[in-house]
C-alpha atoms as a PDB file:
ATOM      1  CA  UNK A   1     115.985 106.918 118.733  1.00  0.00           C
ATOM      2  CA  UNK A   2     118.507 108.236 121.292  1.00  0.00           C
ATOM      3  CA  UNK A   3     118.540 111.815 122.477  1.00  0.00           C
ATOM      4  CA  UNK A   4     121.689 113.499 123.725  1.00  0.00           C
ATOM      5  CA  UNK A   5     121.837 116.279 126.261  1.00  0.00           C
ATOM      6  CA  UNK A   6     122.880 119.608 124.775  1.00  0.00           C
ATOM      7  CA  UNK A   7     126.609 120.141 125.166  1.00  0.00           C
ATOM      8  CA  UNK A   8     128.969 122.864 124.059  1.00  0.00           C
ATOM      9  CA  UNK A   9     132.390 122.337 122.626  1.00  0.00           C
ATOM     10  CA  UNK A  10     135.090 124.751 123.682  1.00  0.00           C
ATOM     11  CA  UNK A  11     138.811 125.186 123.231  1.00  0.00           C
ATOM     12  CA  UNK A  12     141.039 125.592 126.278  1.00  0.00           C
ATOM     13  CA  UNK A  13     144.615 126.802 126.367  1.00  0.00           C
ATOM     14  CA  UNK A  14     146.369 124.960 129.191  1.00  0.00           C
ATOM     15  CA  UNK A  15     149.932 124.830 130.477  1.00  0.00           C
ATOM     16  CA  UNK A  16     151.912 121.743 129.498  1.00  0.00           C
ATOM     17  CA  UNK A  17     152.163 120.469 133.076  1.00  0.00           C
ATOM     18  CA  UNK A  18     148.384 120.662 133.442  1.00  0.00           C
ATOM     19  CA  UNK A  19     147.843 118.792 130.174  1.00  0.00           C
ATOM     20  CA  UNK A  20     150.241 116.081 131.368  1.00  0.00           C
ATOM     21  CA  UNK A  21     148.351 115.778 134.652  1.00  0.00           C
ATOM     22  CA  UNK A  22     145.009 115.516 132.814  1.00  0.00           C
ATOM     23  CA  UNK A  23     146.362 112.880 130.426  1.00  0.00           C
ATOM     24  CA  UNK A  24     147.871 110.933 133.319  1.00  0.00           C
ATOM     25  CA  UNK A  25     144.567 110.998 135.224  1.00  0.00           C
ATOM     26  CA  UNK A  26     142.716 109.950 132.063  1.00  0.00           C
ATOM     27  CA  UNK A  27     145.008 106.928 131.603  1.00  0.00           C
ATOM     28  CA  UNK A  28     144.769 106.047 135.298  1.00  0.00           C
ATOM     29  CA  UNK A  29     140.958 106.193 135.387  1.00  0.00           C
ATOM     30  CA  UNK A  30     140.235 104.952 131.867  1.00  0.00           C
ATOM     31  CA  UNK A  31     138.341 108.137 131.048  1.00  0.00           C
ATOM     32  CA  UNK A  32     138.727 110.550 128.177  1.00  0.00           C
ATOM     33  CA  UNK A  33     140.665 113.751 128.966  1.00  0.00           C
ATOM     34  CA  UNK A  34     137.484 115.790 128.420  1.00  0.00           C
ATOM     35  CA  UNK A  35     135.695 113.696 131.059  1.00  0.00           C
ATOM     36  CA  UNK A  36     138.555 114.276 133.508  1.00  0.00           C
ATOM     37  CA  UNK A  37     138.409 118.036 132.925  1.00  0.00           C
ATOM     38  CA  UNK A  38     134.616 118.088 133.316  1.00  0.00           C
ATOM     39  CA  UNK A  39     134.727 116.104 136.581  1.00  0.00           C
ATOM     40  CA  UNK A  40     137.467 118.283 138.073  1.00  0.00           C
ATOM     41  CA  UNK A  41     135.646 121.484 137.108  1.00  0.00           C
ATOM     42  CA  UNK A  42     132.363 120.236 138.581  1.00  0.00           C
ATOM     43  CA  UNK A  43     134.048 119.272 141.855  1.00  0.00           C
ATOM     44  CA  UNK A  44     135.856 122.612 142.079  1.00  0.00           C
ATOM     45  CA  UNK A  45     132.694 124.599 141.399  1.00  0.00           C
ATOM     46  CA  UNK A  46     130.615 122.570 143.861  1.00  0.00           C
ATOM     47  CA  UNK A  47     133.208 123.177 146.595  1.00  0.00           C
ATOM     48  CA  UNK A  48     132.756 126.901 146.062  1.00  0.00           C
ATOM     49  CA  UNK A  49     128.973 126.681 146.264  1.00  0.00           C
ATOM     50  CA  UNK A  50     127.706 129.087 148.910  1.00  0.00           C
ATOM     51  CA  UNK A  51     126.903 127.572 152.264  1.00  0.00           C
ATOM     52  CA  UNK A  52     123.479 127.874 153.797  1.00  0.00           C
ATOM     53  CA  UNK A  53     122.833 131.371 155.111  1.00  0.00           C
ATOM     54  CA  UNK A  54     123.859 131.834 158.712  1.00  0.00           C
ATOM     55  CA  UNK A  55     120.968 132.435 161.070  1.00  0.00           C
ATOM     56  CA  UNK A  56     121.851 134.678 163.954  1.00  0.00           C
ATOM     57  CA  UNK A  57     120.185 133.806 167.228  1.00  0.00           C
ATOM     58  CA  UNK A  58     119.482 137.183 168.751  1.00  0.00           C
ATOM     59  CA  UNK A  59     119.498 136.991 172.534  1.00  0.00           C
ATOM     60  CA  UNK A  60     118.360 139.902 174.643  1.00  0.00           C
ATOM     61  CA  UNK A  61     118.451 140.268 178.387  1.00  0.00           C
ATOM     62  CA  UNK A  62     116.928 142.811 180.674  1.00  0.00           C
ATOM     63  CA  UNK A  63     119.147 144.899 182.824  1.00  0.00           C
ATOM     64  CA  UNK A  64     119.834 148.434 183.943  1.00  0.00           C
ATOM     65  CA  UNK A  65     121.851 150.933 181.917  1.00  0.00           C
ATOM     66  CA  UNK A  66     125.382 151.620 182.997  1.00  0.00           C
ATOM     67  CA  UNK A  67     125.727 154.682 185.199  1.00  0.00           C
ATOM     68  CA  UNK A  68     125.895 157.887 183.167  1.00  0.00           C
ATOM     69  CA  UNK A  69     124.394 156.398 179.979  1.00  0.00           C
ATOM     70  CA  UNK A  70     121.590 158.451 178.452  1.00  0.00           C
ATOM     71  CA  UNK A  71     120.092 156.772 175.377  1.00  0.00           C
ATOM     72  CA  UNK A  72     118.498 160.077 174.334  1.00  0.00           C
ATOM     73  CA  UNK A  73     121.907 161.826 174.125  1.00  0.00           C
ATOM     74  CA  UNK A  74     123.326 160.352 170.938  1.00  0.00           C
ATOM     75  CA  UNK A  75     126.574 162.325 170.967  1.00  0.00           C
ATOM     76  CA  UNK A  76     127.353 161.343 174.546  1.00  0.00           C
ATOM     77  CA  UNK A  77     126.417 157.738 173.818  1.00  0.00           C
ATOM     78  CA  UNK A  78     128.797 157.569 170.822  1.00  0.00           C
ATOM     79  CA  UNK A  79     131.574 159.115 172.923  1.00  0.00           C
ATOM     80  CA  UNK A  80     131.078 156.472 175.616  1.00  0.00           C
ATOM     81  CA  UNK A  81     130.996 153.665 173.033  1.00  0.00           C
ATOM     82  CA  UNK A  82     134.267 154.910 171.550  1.00  0.00           C
ATOM     83  CA  UNK A  83     135.746 155.387 175.012  1.00  0.00           C
ATOM     84  CA  UNK A  84     136.003 159.174 174.678  1.00  0.00           C
ATOM     85  CA  UNK A  85     134.255 160.051 177.923  1.00  0.00           C
END
């Protein structure tokens, strides 16, 4: 006894030029139009798959503060960072 994977049937409304392209690809590859659509959709969705998360390499160095910088004076620090001093 053969078992089939569960599949859904759906109806798509496509532009005529897209239908012609699908039918042309189906003839060219010897596949059914539904197989062409499925392959193209899978490829398109896999291309959009999120990339691996970026890992930031945090590098710190020791050094003195710039003259006039007081880390305890938040207002002054923000002014200096925004070039308002």
